[in-house]
Every structure is written in structure tokens, then in C-alpha cells.
Amino acid sequence: MLPLHKPLAVPLFFLMLLVATYGFLKDVSAVPSNLMPNDKVMHVLVFFALTLSFMQAFIRPFWQSFTLLALYGALIEVAQATFTSRMGDPIDWLADVAGILLAALLVRYLPAHWFSRPA
């Protein structure tokens, strides 16, 4: 992950959030299942990327980042069950949480200068 200047990091995060929301709420019934990767893996990867982006865009304690992104994951599952033909799945939410935790581990155990933002 390249350090980004805050003016670029914030809109990039919101763009990723918009794309993720569209992807999670889009009707995928017409897409052949052999063209779709495993749903749980997709949840982990999307939330991994969202977490890294969020951490660059907003300097927040981890518990706040975790809470906001986990809440977003839960809202996506409720929205899928409420507003689309897709089913909300608590296991998908656990995959979201796994993606958040994997990103936090990456940031924690890789050198700090990889994640520092230029002045």
C-alpha cells in the first residue's frame, strides 16, 4: 500500500465504499456461478481493502475503525435481505470482520513507514 496524501485518500475511500455497496447490493442471479469467486473470499478481500483505505483516509483508533466498518458490513447484510432478492448472511458478516482484522494485522506487523502518509 502506498502512502497517500489525505486529499487523495479520502475520496478514494469513499469511491471504494460506493463500489463495494453497489457490488454487495447488485442482483447477481443472472451471473453464472462458475464466473463468481467464493462469496466469503470476496467479503474478506473487499473489507481488507476498505480497511486499509479507511486507515489511510482517517486517523482513528483501531476500535473506531473496526466498529464503523463492522457496522457497515452488518448494514449491508440487512440491506441485502430487505431491499434485494439476495439473502443476508451472518457468515458473510463474519467474513467482513475477518477482512478487517487481517488488514489490521498487516498494518500492525509490517514496517510503519509503509503506512505513513507524506507530510
C-alpha atoms as a PDB file:
ATOM      1  CA  MET A   1       0.000   0.000   0.000  1.00  0.00           C
ATOM      2  CA  LEU A   2       1.415   3.336  -0.969  1.00  0.00           C
ATOM      3  CA  PRO A   3       1.089   6.238   1.438  1.00  0.00           C
ATOM      4  CA  LEU A   4      -1.383   8.730   0.046  1.00  0.00           C
ATOM      5  CA  HIS A   5      -1.876  12.397   0.733  1.00  0.00           C
ATOM      6  CA  LYS A   6      -5.099  12.875   2.691  1.00  0.00           C
ATOM      7  CA  PRO A   7      -6.842  14.841  -0.099  1.00  0.00           C
ATOM      8  CA  LEU A   8      -6.474  11.750  -2.294  1.00  0.00           C
ATOM      9  CA  ALA A   9      -7.022   9.097   0.398  1.00  0.00           C
ATOM     10  CA  VAL A  10     -10.452  10.356   1.490  1.00  0.00           C
ATOM     11  CA  PRO A  11     -12.149  10.387  -1.942  1.00  0.00           C
ATOM     12  CA  LEU A  12     -10.504   7.066  -2.788  1.00  0.00           C
ATOM     13  CA  PHE A  13     -12.029   5.506   0.328  1.00  0.00           C
ATOM     14  CA  PHE A  14     -15.492   6.866  -0.498  1.00  0.00           C
ATOM     15  CA  LEU A  15     -15.187   5.663  -4.102  1.00  0.00           C
ATOM     16  CA  MET A  16     -14.262   2.190  -2.848  1.00  0.00           C
ATOM     17  CA  LEU A  17     -17.189   2.302  -0.405  1.00  0.00           C
ATOM     18  CA  LEU A  18     -19.575   3.235  -3.216  1.00  0.00           C
ATOM     19  CA  VAL A  19     -18.307   0.459  -5.489  1.00  0.00           C
ATOM     20  CA  ALA A  20     -18.458  -2.087  -2.639  1.00  0.00           C
ATOM     21  CA  THR A  21     -22.013  -1.073  -1.749  1.00  0.00           C
ATOM     22  CA  TYR A  22     -23.106  -1.386  -5.370  1.00  0.00           C
ATOM     23  CA  GLY A  23     -21.438  -4.785  -5.647  1.00  0.00           C
ATOM     24  CA  PHE A  24     -22.997  -6.108  -2.458  1.00  0.00           C
ATOM     25  CA  LEU A  25     -26.498  -4.902  -3.361  1.00  0.00           C
ATOM     26  CA  LYS A  26     -26.445  -5.781  -7.068  1.00  0.00           C
ATOM     27  CA  ASP A  27     -28.621  -8.659  -8.228  1.00  0.00           C
ATOM     28  CA  VAL A  28     -26.247 -11.452  -9.223  1.00  0.00           C
ATOM     29  CA  SER A  29     -28.849 -14.102 -10.074  1.00  0.00           C
ATOM     30  CA  ALA A  30     -28.136 -13.761 -13.803  1.00  0.00           C
ATOM     31  CA  VAL A  31     -24.376 -14.223 -13.365  1.00  0.00           C
ATOM     32  CA  PRO A  32     -23.293 -17.855 -13.875  1.00  0.00           C
ATOM     33  CA  SER A  33     -21.956 -19.254 -10.598  1.00  0.00           C
ATOM     34  CA  ASN A  34     -18.766 -20.521 -12.245  1.00  0.00           C
ATOM     35  CA  LEU A  35     -17.849 -16.886 -13.028  1.00  0.00           C
ATOM     36  CA  MET A  36     -18.275 -15.779  -9.395  1.00  0.00           C
ATOM     37  CA  PRO A  37     -15.466 -16.395  -6.922  1.00  0.00           C
ATOM     38  CA  ASN A  38     -16.366 -17.695  -3.492  1.00  0.00           C
ATOM     39  CA  ASP A  39     -18.664 -15.185  -1.774  1.00  0.00           C
ATOM     40  CA  LYS A  40     -16.875 -15.385   1.591  1.00  0.00           C
ATOM     41  CA  VAL A  41     -13.486 -14.777  -0.042  1.00  0.00           C
ATOM     42  CA  MET A  42     -14.937 -11.731  -1.797  1.00  0.00           C
ATOM     43  CA  HIS A  43     -16.205 -10.353   1.516  1.00  0.00           C
ATOM     44  CA  VAL A  44     -12.791 -10.822   3.149  1.00  0.00           C
ATOM     45  CA  LEU A  45     -10.966  -9.154   0.242  1.00  0.00           C
ATOM     46  CA  VAL A  46     -13.367  -6.210  -0.043  1.00  0.00           C
ATOM     47  CA  PHE A  47     -13.243  -5.465   3.672  1.00  0.00           C
ATOM     48  CA  PHE A  48      -9.467  -5.939   3.709  1.00  0.00           C
ATOM     49  CA  ALA A  49      -9.172  -3.245   1.023  1.00  0.00           C
ATOM     50  CA  LEU A  50     -11.782  -0.982   2.655  1.00  0.00           C
ATOM     51  CA  THR A  51      -9.974  -1.193   5.986  1.00  0.00           C
ATOM     52  CA  LEU A  52      -6.591  -0.303   4.518  1.00  0.00           C
ATOM     53  CA  SER A  53      -8.167   2.578   2.640  1.00  0.00           C
ATOM     54  CA  PHE A  54     -10.083   3.778   5.707  1.00  0.00           C
ATOM     55  CA  MET A  55      -6.934   3.674   7.826  1.00  0.00           C
ATOM     56  CA  GLN A  56      -5.132   5.877   5.315  1.00  0.00           C
ATOM     57  CA  ALA A  57      -8.000   8.310   4.906  1.00  0.00           C
ATOM     58  CA  PHE A  58      -8.885   8.749   8.579  1.00  0.00           C
ATOM     59  CA  ILE A  59      -6.586   8.648  11.565  1.00  0.00           C
ATOM     60  CA  ARG A  60      -8.722   6.852  14.131  1.00  0.00           C
ATOM     61  CA  PRO A  61      -8.059   4.371  16.940  1.00  0.00           C
ATOM     62  CA  PHE A  62      -8.441   0.810  15.701  1.00  0.00           C
ATOM     63  CA  TRP A  63     -11.566   0.146  17.753  1.00  0.00           C
ATOM     64  CA  GLN A  64     -13.333   3.038  15.978  1.00  0.00           C
ATOM     65  CA  SER A  65     -12.236   1.826  12.552  1.00  0.00           C
ATOM     66  CA  PHE A  66     -13.288  -1.706  13.420  1.00  0.00           C
ATOM     67  CA  THR A  67     -16.665  -0.600  14.785  1.00  0.00           C
ATOM     68  CA  LEU A  68     -17.535   1.598  11.796  1.00  0.00           C
ATOM     69  CA  LEU A  69     -16.531  -0.972   9.178  1.00  0.00           C
ATOM     70  CA  ALA A  70     -18.154  -3.894  11.045  1.00  0.00           C
ATOM     71  CA  LEU A  71     -21.352  -1.834  11.333  1.00  0.00           C
ATOM     72  CA  TYR A  72     -21.191  -1.125   7.589  1.00  0.00           C
ATOM     73  CA  GLY A  73     -20.860  -4.888   6.966  1.00  0.00           C
ATOM     74  CA  ALA A  74     -23.882  -5.601   9.148  1.00  0.00           C
ATOM     75  CA  LEU A  75     -25.920  -2.898   7.392  1.00  0.00           C
ATOM     76  CA  ILE A  76     -25.020  -4.397   4.006  1.00  0.00           C
ATOM     77  CA  GLU A  77     -26.359  -7.775   5.130  1.00  0.00           C
ATOM     78  CA  VAL A  78     -29.586  -6.201   6.425  1.00  0.00           C
ATOM     79  CA  ALA A  79     -29.960  -4.216   3.185  1.00  0.00           C
ATOM     80  CA  GLN A  80     -29.425  -7.363   1.100  1.00  0.00           C
ATOM     81  CA  ALA A  81     -32.177  -9.161   2.997  1.00  0.00           C
ATOM     82  CA  THR A  82     -34.514  -6.163   2.971  1.00  0.00           C
ATOM     83  CA  PHE A  83     -34.121  -4.447  -0.387  1.00  0.00           C
ATOM     84  CA  THR A  84     -32.825  -7.092  -2.799  1.00  0.00           C
ATOM     85  CA  SER A  85     -33.597 -10.649  -3.814  1.00  0.00           C
ATOM     86  CA  ARG A  86     -30.351 -11.695  -2.104  1.00  0.00           C
ATOM     87  CA  MET A  87     -30.238 -13.142   1.382  1.00  0.00           C
ATOM     88  CA  GLY A  88     -28.419 -11.528   4.284  1.00  0.00           C
ATOM     89  CA  ASP A  89     -25.949 -13.997   5.771  1.00  0.00           C
ATOM     90  CA  PRO A  90     -24.357 -13.681   9.221  1.00  0.00           C
ATOM     91  CA  ILE A  91     -21.400 -15.724   7.935  1.00  0.00           C
ATOM     92  CA  ASP A  92     -20.809 -13.017   5.317  1.00  0.00           C
ATOM     93  CA  TRP A  93     -20.584 -10.521   8.166  1.00  0.00           C
ATOM     94  CA  LEU A  94     -18.028 -12.749   9.908  1.00  0.00           C
ATOM     95  CA  ALA A  95     -16.038 -12.761   6.651  1.00  0.00           C
ATOM     96  CA  ASP A  96     -16.234  -8.937   6.670  1.00  0.00           C
ATOM     97  CA  VAL A  97     -14.840  -8.897  10.207  1.00  0.00           C
ATOM     98  CA  ALA A  98     -12.081 -11.313   9.170  1.00  0.00           C
ATOM     99  CA  GLY A  99     -11.076  -8.923   6.371  1.00  0.00           C
ATOM    100  CA  ILE A 100     -10.957  -6.015   8.829  1.00  0.00           C
ATOM    101  CA  LEU A 101      -8.800  -7.996  11.267  1.00  0.00           C
ATOM    102  CA  LEU A 102      -6.442  -9.214   8.533  1.00  0.00           C
ATOM    103  CA  ALA A 103      -5.855  -5.636   7.388  1.00  0.00           C
ATOM    104  CA  ALA A 104      -5.212  -4.555  10.990  1.00  0.00           C
ATOM    105  CA  LEU A 105      -2.693  -7.374  11.431  1.00  0.00           C
ATOM    106  CA  LEU A 106      -0.943  -6.358   8.231  1.00  0.00           C
ATOM    107  CA  VAL A 107      -0.654  -2.757   9.399  1.00  0.00           C
ATOM    108  CA  ARG A 108       0.460  -3.861  12.861  1.00  0.00           C
ATOM    109  CA  TYR A 109       3.220  -6.225  11.776  1.00  0.00           C
ATOM    110  CA  LEU A 110       4.646  -4.583   8.669  1.00  0.00           C
ATOM    111  CA  PRO A 111       7.103  -1.689   8.957  1.00  0.00           C
ATOM    112  CA  ALA A 112       5.399   1.537   9.999  1.00  0.00           C
ATOM    113  CA  HIS A 113       6.987   3.586   7.212  1.00  0.00           C
ATOM    114  CA  TRP A 114       4.995   1.536   4.671  1.00  0.00           C
ATOM    115  CA  PHE A 115       1.839   3.138   6.004  1.00  0.00           C
ATOM    116  CA  SER A 116       2.934   6.644   6.935  1.00  0.00           C
ATOM    117  CA  ARG A 117       1.416   9.476   4.971  1.00  0.00           C
ATOM    118  CA  PRO A 118       3.667  12.091   3.354  1.00  0.00           C
ATOM    119  CA  ALA A 119       3.556  15.465   5.036  1.00  0.00           C
END
